[in-house]
Amino acid sequence: MPIYLYETIPSLPDQPIERFEVKQSMNETALSRHPKTGEAVRRIISGGFLMLKGDEASTSASKPPSSTSCGSACACHP
């Protein structure tokens, strides 16, 4: 079952936003209320997960183009 990320929708400008995760079936409707507090919530769309296997791991798809500047902290450029 996928784990979905939600965040509260503040009713006041200075109210903090709380993020939490919920394990749900893909067939379940997205939550509209926090399961514990009842506050209004929205589902957050975040990046997915990609796993490359075998020869695919050495393709250029796993590395940014050489013209991309990632900074000195990355190890993607030889």
PDB file of N, CA and C in Angstrom:
ATOM      1  N   MET A   1       0.835  -1.181   0.000  1.00  0.00           N
ATOM      2  CA  MET A   1       0.000   0.000   0.000  1.00  0.00           C
ATOM      3  C   MET A   1       0.879   1.243   0.000  1.00  0.00           C
ATOM      4  N   PRO A   2       0.521   2.236  -0.799  1.00  0.00           N
ATOM      5  CA  PRO A   2       1.306   3.466  -0.841  1.00  0.00           C
ATOM      6  C   PRO A   2       1.156   4.288   0.438  1.00  0.00           C
ATOM      7  N   ILE A   3       2.150   5.109   0.699  1.00  0.00           N
ATOM      8  CA  ILE A   3       2.118   6.045   1.819  1.00  0.00           C
ATOM      9  C   ILE A   3       1.961   7.438   1.229  1.00  0.00           C
ATOM     10  N   TYR A   4       0.905   8.130   1.647  1.00  0.00           N
ATOM     11  CA  TYR A   4       0.617   9.470   1.135  1.00  0.00           C
ATOM     12  C   TYR A   4       0.995  10.522   2.162  1.00  0.00           C
ATOM     13  N   LEU A   5       1.479  11.655   1.660  1.00  0.00           N
ATOM     14  CA  LEU A   5       1.858  12.788   2.499  1.00  0.00           C
ATOM     15  C   LEU A   5       0.717  13.804   2.487  1.00  0.00           C
ATOM     16  N   TYR A   6       0.328  14.243   3.671  1.00  0.00           N
ATOM     17  CA  TYR A   6      -0.728  15.247   3.828  1.00  0.00           C
ATOM     18  C   TYR A   6      -0.192  16.411   4.644  1.00  0.00           C
ATOM     19  N   GLU A   7      -0.850  17.568   4.514  1.00  0.00           N
ATOM     20  CA  GLU A   7      -0.546  18.699   5.387  1.00  0.00           C
ATOM     21  C   GLU A   7      -1.835  19.393   5.776  1.00  0.00           C
ATOM     22  N   THR A   8      -1.810  19.966   6.986  1.00  0.00           N
ATOM     23  CA  THR A   8      -2.988  20.688   7.464  1.00  0.00           C
ATOM     24  C   THR A   8      -3.111  22.010   6.718  1.00  0.00           C
ATOM     25  N   ILE A   9      -4.326  22.478   6.586  1.00  0.00           N
ATOM     26  CA  ILE A   9      -4.593  23.773   5.957  1.00  0.00           C
ATOM     27  C   ILE A   9      -4.917  24.740   7.093  1.00  0.00           C
ATOM     28  N   PRO A  10      -4.006  25.672   7.394  1.00  0.00           N
ATOM     29  CA  PRO A  10      -4.223  26.574   8.531  1.00  0.00           C
ATOM     30  C   PRO A  10      -5.454  27.456   8.331  1.00  0.00           C
ATOM     31  N   SER A  11      -6.203  27.631   9.406  1.00  0.00           N
ATOM     32  CA  SER A  11      -7.367  28.516   9.349  1.00  0.00           C
ATOM     33  C   SER A  11      -6.981  29.947   9.726  1.00  0.00           C
ATOM     34  N   LEU A  12      -5.821  30.104  10.353  1.00  0.00           N
ATOM     35  CA  LEU A  12      -5.300  31.417  10.714  1.00  0.00           C
ATOM     36  C   LEU A  12      -3.908  31.590  10.117  1.00  0.00           C
ATOM     37  N   PRO A  13      -3.518  32.821   9.743  1.00  0.00           N
ATOM     38  CA  PRO A  13      -2.222  33.048   9.097  1.00  0.00           C
ATOM     39  C   PRO A  13      -1.012  32.605   9.923  1.00  0.00           C
ATOM     40  N   ASP A  14      -1.070  32.720  11.243  1.00  0.00           N
ATOM     41  CA  ASP A  14       0.087  32.367  12.071  1.00  0.00           C
ATOM     42  C   ASP A  14       0.043  30.925  12.584  1.00  0.00           C
ATOM     43  N   GLN A  15      -0.933  30.156  12.153  1.00  0.00           N
ATOM     44  CA  GLN A  15      -1.072  28.769  12.589  1.00  0.00           C
ATOM     45  C   GLN A  15      -0.059  27.890  11.838  1.00  0.00           C
ATOM     46  N   PRO A  16       0.666  27.033  12.567  1.00  0.00           N
ATOM     47  CA  PRO A  16       1.659  26.189  11.895  1.00  0.00           C
ATOM     48  C   PRO A  16       1.015  25.116  11.024  1.00  0.00           C
ATOM     49  N   ILE A  17       1.755  24.691   9.995  1.00  0.00           N
ATOM     50  CA  ILE A  17       1.315  23.617   9.118  1.00  0.00           C
ATOM     51  C   ILE A  17       1.935  22.323   9.630  1.00  0.00           C
ATOM     52  N   GLU A  18       1.123  21.296   9.773  1.00  0.00           N
ATOM     53  CA  GLU A  18       1.621  19.993  10.211  1.00  0.00           C
ATOM     54  C   GLU A  18       1.581  19.034   9.030  1.00  0.00           C
ATOM     55  N   ARG A  19       2.690  18.351   8.785  1.00  0.00           N
ATOM     56  CA  ARG A  19       2.737  17.334   7.733  1.00  0.00           C
ATOM     57  C   ARG A  19       2.751  15.959   8.385  1.00  0.00           C
ATOM     58  N   PHE A  20       2.044  15.015   7.760  1.00  0.00           N
ATOM     59  CA  PHE A  20       2.002  13.656   8.274  1.00  0.00           C
ATOM     60  C   PHE A  20       1.773  12.686   7.126  1.00  0.00           C
ATOM     61  N   GLU A  21       2.107  11.430   7.363  1.00  0.00           N
ATOM     62  CA  GLU A  21       1.962  10.396   6.347  1.00  0.00           C
ATOM     63  C   GLU A  21       0.864   9.411   6.746  1.00  0.00           C
ATOM     64  N   VAL A  22       0.171   8.890   5.724  1.00  0.00           N
ATOM     65  CA  VAL A  22      -0.893   7.915   5.952  1.00  0.00           C
ATOM     66  C   VAL A  22      -0.751   6.805   4.917  1.00  0.00           C
ATOM     67  N   LYS A  23      -0.787   5.562   5.393  1.00  0.00           N
ATOM     68  CA  LYS A  23      -0.764   4.417   4.483  1.00  0.00           C
ATOM     69  C   LYS A  23      -2.200   4.156   4.048  1.00  0.00           C
ATOM     70  N   GLN A  24      -2.448   4.262   2.727  1.00  0.00           N
ATOM     71  CA  GLN A  24      -3.793   4.090   2.191  1.00  0.00           C
ATOM     72  C   GLN A  24      -3.740   3.257   0.917  1.00  0.00           C
ATOM     73  N   SER A  25      -4.829   2.585   0.625  1.00  0.00           N
ATOM     74  CA  SER A  25      -4.977   1.906  -0.648  1.00  0.00           C
ATOM     75  C   SER A  25      -5.120   2.961  -1.742  1.00  0.00           C
ATOM     76  N   MET A  26      -4.690   2.615  -2.947  1.00  0.00           N
ATOM     77  CA  MET A  26      -4.834   3.553  -4.063  1.00  0.00           C
ATOM     78  C   MET A  26      -6.302   3.807  -4.391  1.00  0.00           C
ATOM     79  N   ASN A  27      -7.188   2.914  -3.960  1.00  0.00           N
ATOM     80  CA  ASN A  27      -8.625   3.055  -4.228  1.00  0.00           C
ATOM     81  C   ASN A  27      -9.343   3.927  -3.208  1.00  0.00           C
ATOM     82  N   GLU A  28      -8.668   4.221  -2.084  1.00  0.00           N
ATOM     83  CA  GLU A  28      -9.301   5.042  -1.048  1.00  0.00           C
ATOM     84  C   GLU A  28      -9.336   6.508  -1.461  1.00  0.00           C
ATOM     85  N   THR A  29     -10.358   7.192  -1.047  1.00  0.00           N
ATOM     86  CA  THR A  29     -10.481   8.622  -1.291  1.00  0.00           C
ATOM     87  C   THR A  29      -9.475   9.372  -0.429  1.00  0.00           C
ATOM     88  N   ALA A  30      -8.897  10.440  -0.968  1.00  0.00           N
ATOM     89  CA  ALA A  30      -7.951  11.258  -0.205  1.00  0.00           C
ATOM     90  C   ALA A  30      -8.634  11.825   1.035  1.00  0.00           C
ATOM     91  N   LEU A  31      -7.865  11.945   2.106  1.00  0.00           N
ATOM     92  CA  LEU A  31      -8.413  12.517   3.339  1.00  0.00           C
ATOM     93  C   LEU A  31      -8.756  13.986   3.128  1.00  0.00           C
ATOM     94  N   SER A  32      -9.774  14.459   3.810  1.00  0.00           N
ATOM     95  CA  SER A  32     -10.102  15.886   3.808  1.00  0.00           C
ATOM     96  C   SER A  32      -9.948  16.469   5.214  1.00  0.00           C
ATOM     97  N   ARG A  33      -9.851  15.586   6.227  1.00  0.00           N
ATOM     98  CA  ARG A  33      -9.697  15.985   7.629  1.00  0.00           C
ATOM     99  C   ARG A  33      -8.583  15.178   8.283  1.00  0.00           C
ATOM    100  N   HIS A  34      -7.868  15.814   9.200  1.00  0.00           N
ATOM    101  CA  HIS A  34      -6.819  15.136   9.971  1.00  0.00           C
ATOM    102  C   HIS A  34      -7.482  14.042  10.801  1.00  0.00           C
ATOM    103  N   PRO A  35      -6.945  12.814  10.770  1.00  0.00           N
ATOM    104  CA  PRO A  35      -7.602  11.722  11.487  1.00  0.00           C
ATOM    105  C   PRO A  35      -7.677  11.908  13.001  1.00  0.00           C
ATOM    106  N   LYS A  36      -6.770  12.689  13.598  1.00  0.00           N
ATOM    107  CA  LYS A  36      -6.776  12.875  15.057  1.00  0.00           C
ATOM    108  C   LYS A  36      -7.411  14.192  15.485  1.00  0.00           C
ATOM    109  N   THR A  37      -7.125  15.281  14.751  1.00  0.00           N
ATOM    110  CA  THR A  37      -7.574  16.604  15.195  1.00  0.00           C
ATOM    111  C   THR A  37      -8.818  17.109  14.474  1.00  0.00           C
ATOM    112  N   GLY A  38      -9.113  16.552  13.297  1.00  0.00           N
ATOM    113  CA  GLY A  38     -10.269  17.018  12.539  1.00  0.00           C
ATOM    114  C   GLY A  38     -10.006  18.253  11.700  1.00  0.00           C
ATOM    115  N   GLU A  39      -8.750  18.764  11.733  1.00  0.00           N
ATOM    116  CA  GLU A  39      -8.409  19.933  10.912  1.00  0.00           C
ATOM    117  C   GLU A  39      -8.497  19.583   9.433  1.00  0.00           C
ATOM    118  N   ALA A  40      -8.767  20.592   8.596  1.00  0.00           N
ATOM    119  CA  ALA A  40      -8.788  20.393   7.150  1.00  0.00           C
ATOM    120  C   ALA A  40      -7.373  20.066   6.670  1.00  0.00           C
ATOM    121  N   VAL A  41      -7.260  19.108   5.738  1.00  0.00           N
ATOM    122  CA  VAL A  41      -5.964  18.710   5.199  1.00  0.00           C
ATOM    123  C   VAL A  41      -6.031  18.594   3.682  1.00  0.00           C
ATOM    124  N   ARG A  42      -4.847  18.589   3.062  1.00  0.00           N
ATOM    125  CA  ARG A  42      -4.734  18.345   1.623  1.00  0.00           C
ATOM    126  C   ARG A  42      -3.596  17.356   1.397  1.00  0.00           C
ATOM    127  N   ARG A  43      -3.724  16.572   0.326  1.00  0.00           N
ATOM    128  CA  ARG A  43      -2.684  15.608  -0.027  1.00  0.00           C
ATOM    129  C   ARG A  43      -1.577  16.356  -0.775  1.00  0.00           C
ATOM    130  N   ILE A  44      -0.349  16.047  -0.440  1.00  0.00           N
ATOM    131  CA  ILE A  44       0.806  16.665  -1.072  1.00  0.00           C
ATOM    132  C   ILE A  44       1.360  15.708  -2.118  1.00  0.00           C
ATOM    133  N   ILE A  45       1.592  16.214  -3.309  1.00  0.00           N
ATOM    134  CA  ILE A  45       2.201  15.422  -4.363  1.00  0.00           C
ATOM    135  C   ILE A  45       3.708  15.631  -4.273  1.00  0.00           C
ATOM    136  N   SER A  46       4.437  14.530  -4.133  1.00  0.00           N
ATOM    137  CA  SER A  46       5.891  14.628  -4.035  1.00  0.00           C
ATOM    138  C   SER A  46       6.528  13.723  -5.077  1.00  0.00           C
ATOM    139  N   GLY A  47       7.841  13.792  -5.197  1.00  0.00           N
ATOM    140  CA  GLY A  47       8.572  12.999  -6.184  1.00  0.00           C
ATOM    141  C   GLY A  47       8.411  11.515  -5.954  1.00  0.00           C
ATOM    142  N   GLY A  48       8.561  10.765  -7.008  1.00  0.00           N
ATOM    143  CA  GLY A  48       8.442   9.320  -6.929  1.00  0.00           C
ATOM    144  C   GLY A  48       9.779   8.663  -6.666  1.00  0.00           C
ATOM    145  N   PHE A  49       9.798   7.364  -6.766  1.00  0.00           N
ATOM    146  CA  PHE A  49      10.998   6.577  -6.520  1.00  0.00           C
ATOM    147  C   PHE A  49      11.315   5.806  -7.783  1.00  0.00           C
ATOM    148  N   LEU A  50      12.563   5.856  -8.228  1.00  0.00           N
ATOM    149  CA  LEU A  50      12.975   5.165  -9.430  1.00  0.00           C
ATOM    150  C   LEU A  50      14.137   4.252  -9.090  1.00  0.00           C
ATOM    151  N   MET A  51      14.003   2.987  -9.428  1.00  0.00           N
ATOM    152  CA  MET A  51      15.089   2.040  -9.187  1.00  0.00           C
ATOM    153  C   MET A  51      15.510   1.461 -10.529  1.00  0.00           C
ATOM    154  N   LEU A  52      16.773   1.628 -10.863  1.00  0.00           N
ATOM    155  CA  LEU A  52      17.307   1.088 -12.099  1.00  0.00           C
ATOM    156  C   LEU A  52      17.990  -0.239 -11.813  1.00  0.00           C
ATOM    157  N   LYS A  53      17.844  -1.181 -12.733  1.00  0.00           N
ATOM    158  CA  LYS A  53      18.434  -2.499 -12.540  1.00  0.00           C
ATOM    159  C   LYS A  53      19.383  -2.823 -13.681  1.00  0.00           C
ATOM    160  N   GLY A  54      20.395  -3.640 -13.405  1.00  0.00           N
ATOM    161  CA  GLY A  54      21.296  -4.142 -14.434  1.00  0.00           C
ATOM    162  C   GLY A  54      21.994  -3.049 -15.201  1.00  0.00           C
ATOM    163  N   ASP A  55      22.033  -3.184 -16.545  1.00  0.00           N
ATOM    164  CA  ASP A  55      22.737  -2.238 -17.403  1.00  0.00           C
ATOM    165  C   ASP A  55      22.112  -0.849 -17.385  1.00  0.00           C
ATOM    166  N   GLU A  56      20.841  -0.756 -17.028  1.00  0.00           N
ATOM    167  CA  GLU A  56      20.169   0.542 -16.988  1.00  0.00           C
ATOM    168  C   GLU A  56      20.827   1.489 -15.998  1.00  0.00           C
ATOM    169  N   ALA A  57      21.454   0.954 -14.951  1.00  0.00           N
ATOM    170  CA  ALA A  57      22.054   1.782 -13.908  1.00  0.00           C
ATOM    171  C   ALA A  57      23.225   2.593 -14.424  1.00  0.00           C
ATOM    172  N   SER A  58      23.823   2.180 -15.523  1.00  0.00           N
ATOM    173  CA  SER A  58      24.983   2.902 -16.029  1.00  0.00           C
ATOM    174  C   SER A  58      24.634   3.841 -17.174  1.00  0.00           C
ATOM    175  N   THR A  59      23.361   3.976 -17.509  1.00  0.00           N
ATOM    176  CA  THR A  59      22.958   4.857 -18.596  1.00  0.00           C
ATOM    177  C   THR A  59      22.994   6.300 -18.152  1.00  0.00           C
ATOM    178  N   SER A  60      22.930   7.193 -19.110  1.00  0.00           N
ATOM    179  CA  SER A  60      22.961   8.623 -18.798  1.00  0.00           C
ATOM    180  C   SER A  60      21.691   9.074 -18.094  1.00  0.00           C
ATOM    181  N   ALA A  61      20.654   8.239 -18.089  1.00  0.00           N
ATOM    182  CA  ALA A  61      19.404   8.606 -17.409  1.00  0.00           C
ATOM    183  C   ALA A  61      19.610   8.733 -15.910  1.00  0.00           C
ATOM    184  N   SER A  62      20.622   8.064 -15.378  1.00  0.00           N
ATOM    185  CA  SER A  62      20.850   8.128 -13.940  1.00  0.00           C
ATOM    186  C   SER A  62      21.741   9.292 -13.538  1.00  0.00           C
ATOM    187  N   LYS A  63      22.285  10.024 -14.513  1.00  0.00           N
ATOM    188  CA  LYS A  63      23.156  11.152 -14.224  1.00  0.00           C
ATOM    189  C   LYS A  63      22.670  12.379 -14.982  1.00  0.00           C
ATOM    190  N   PRO A  64      22.808  13.559 -14.411  1.00  0.00           N
ATOM    191  CA  PRO A  64      22.429  14.756 -15.155  1.00  0.00           C
ATOM    192  C   PRO A  64      23.434  15.010 -16.275  1.00  0.00           C
ATOM    193  N   PRO A  65      23.050  15.760 -17.304  1.00  0.00           N
ATOM    194  CA  PRO A  65      23.975  16.075 -18.375  1.00  0.00           C
ATOM    195  C   PRO A  65      25.219  16.776 -17.826  1.00  0.00           C
ATOM    196  N   SER A  66      26.344  16.613 -18.518  1.00  0.00           N
ATOM    197  CA  SER A  66      27.596  17.186 -18.030  1.00  0.00           C
ATOM    198  C   SER A  66      27.559  18.706 -17.982  1.00  0.00           C
ATOM    199  N   SER A  67      26.629  19.323 -18.700  1.00  0.00           N
ATOM    200  CA  SER A  67      26.527  20.780 -18.680  1.00  0.00           C
ATOM    201  C   SER A  67      25.820  21.287 -17.425  1.00  0.00           C
ATOM    202  N   THR A  68      25.202  20.375 -16.663  1.00  0.00           N
ATOM    203  CA  THR A  68      24.501  20.758 -15.462  1.00  0.00           C
ATOM    204  C   THR A  68      25.492  21.017 -14.331  1.00  0.00           C
ATOM    205  N   SER A  69      25.333  22.104 -13.652  1.00  0.00           N
ATOM    206  CA  SER A  69      26.211  22.412 -12.529  1.00  0.00           C
ATOM    207  C   SER A  69      25.536  21.993 -11.240  1.00  0.00           C
ATOM    208  N   CYS A  70      26.046  20.918 -10.639  1.00  0.00           N
ATOM    209  CA  CYS A  70      25.472  20.395  -9.399  1.00  0.00           C
ATOM    210  C   CYS A  70      26.217  20.902  -8.180  1.00  0.00           C
ATOM    211  N   GLY A  71      27.296  21.588  -8.388  1.00  0.00           N
ATOM    212  CA  GLY A  71      28.098  22.045  -7.257  1.00  0.00           C
ATOM    213  C   GLY A  71      29.193  21.049  -6.944  1.00  0.00           C
ATOM    214  N   SER A  72      30.063  21.407  -6.043  1.00  0.00           N
ATOM    215  CA  SER A  72      31.211  20.568  -5.741  1.00  0.00           C
ATOM    216  C   SER A  72      30.870  19.409  -4.820  1.00  0.00           C
ATOM    217  N   ALA A  73      29.699  19.407  -4.195  1.00  0.00           N
ATOM    218  CA  ALA A  73      29.349  18.365  -3.233  1.00  0.00           C
ATOM    219  C   ALA A  73      28.836  17.100  -3.902  1.00  0.00           C
ATOM    220  N   CYS A  74      28.472  17.160  -5.174  1.00  0.00           N
ATOM    221  CA  CYS A  74      27.920  15.968  -5.809  1.00  0.00           C
ATOM    222  C   CYS A  74      29.026  15.091  -6.371  1.00  0.00           C
ATOM    223  N   ALA A  75      28.673  13.848  -6.631  1.00  0.00           N
ATOM    224  CA  ALA A  75      29.641  12.899  -7.181  1.00  0.00           C
ATOM    225  C   ALA A  75      29.184  12.390  -8.543  1.00  0.00           C
ATOM    226  N   CYS A  76      28.317  13.137  -9.214  1.00  0.00           N
ATOM    227  CA  CYS A  76      27.784  12.650 -10.479  1.00  0.00           C
ATOM    228  C   CYS A  76      28.670  12.989 -11.667  1.00  0.00           C
ATOM    229  N   HIS A  77      29.675  13.849 -11.481  1.00  0.00           N
ATOM    230  CA  HIS A  77      30.592  14.194 -12.576  1.00  0.00           C
ATOM    231  C   HIS A  77      31.990  13.682 -12.245  1.00  0.00           C
ATOM    232  N   PRO A  78      32.614  12.948 -13.191  1.00  0.00           N
ATOM    233  CA  PRO A  78      33.957  12.427 -12.912  1.00  0.00           C
ATOM    234  C   PRO A  78      34.995  13.528 -12.826  1.00  0.00           C
TER     235      PRO A  78
END
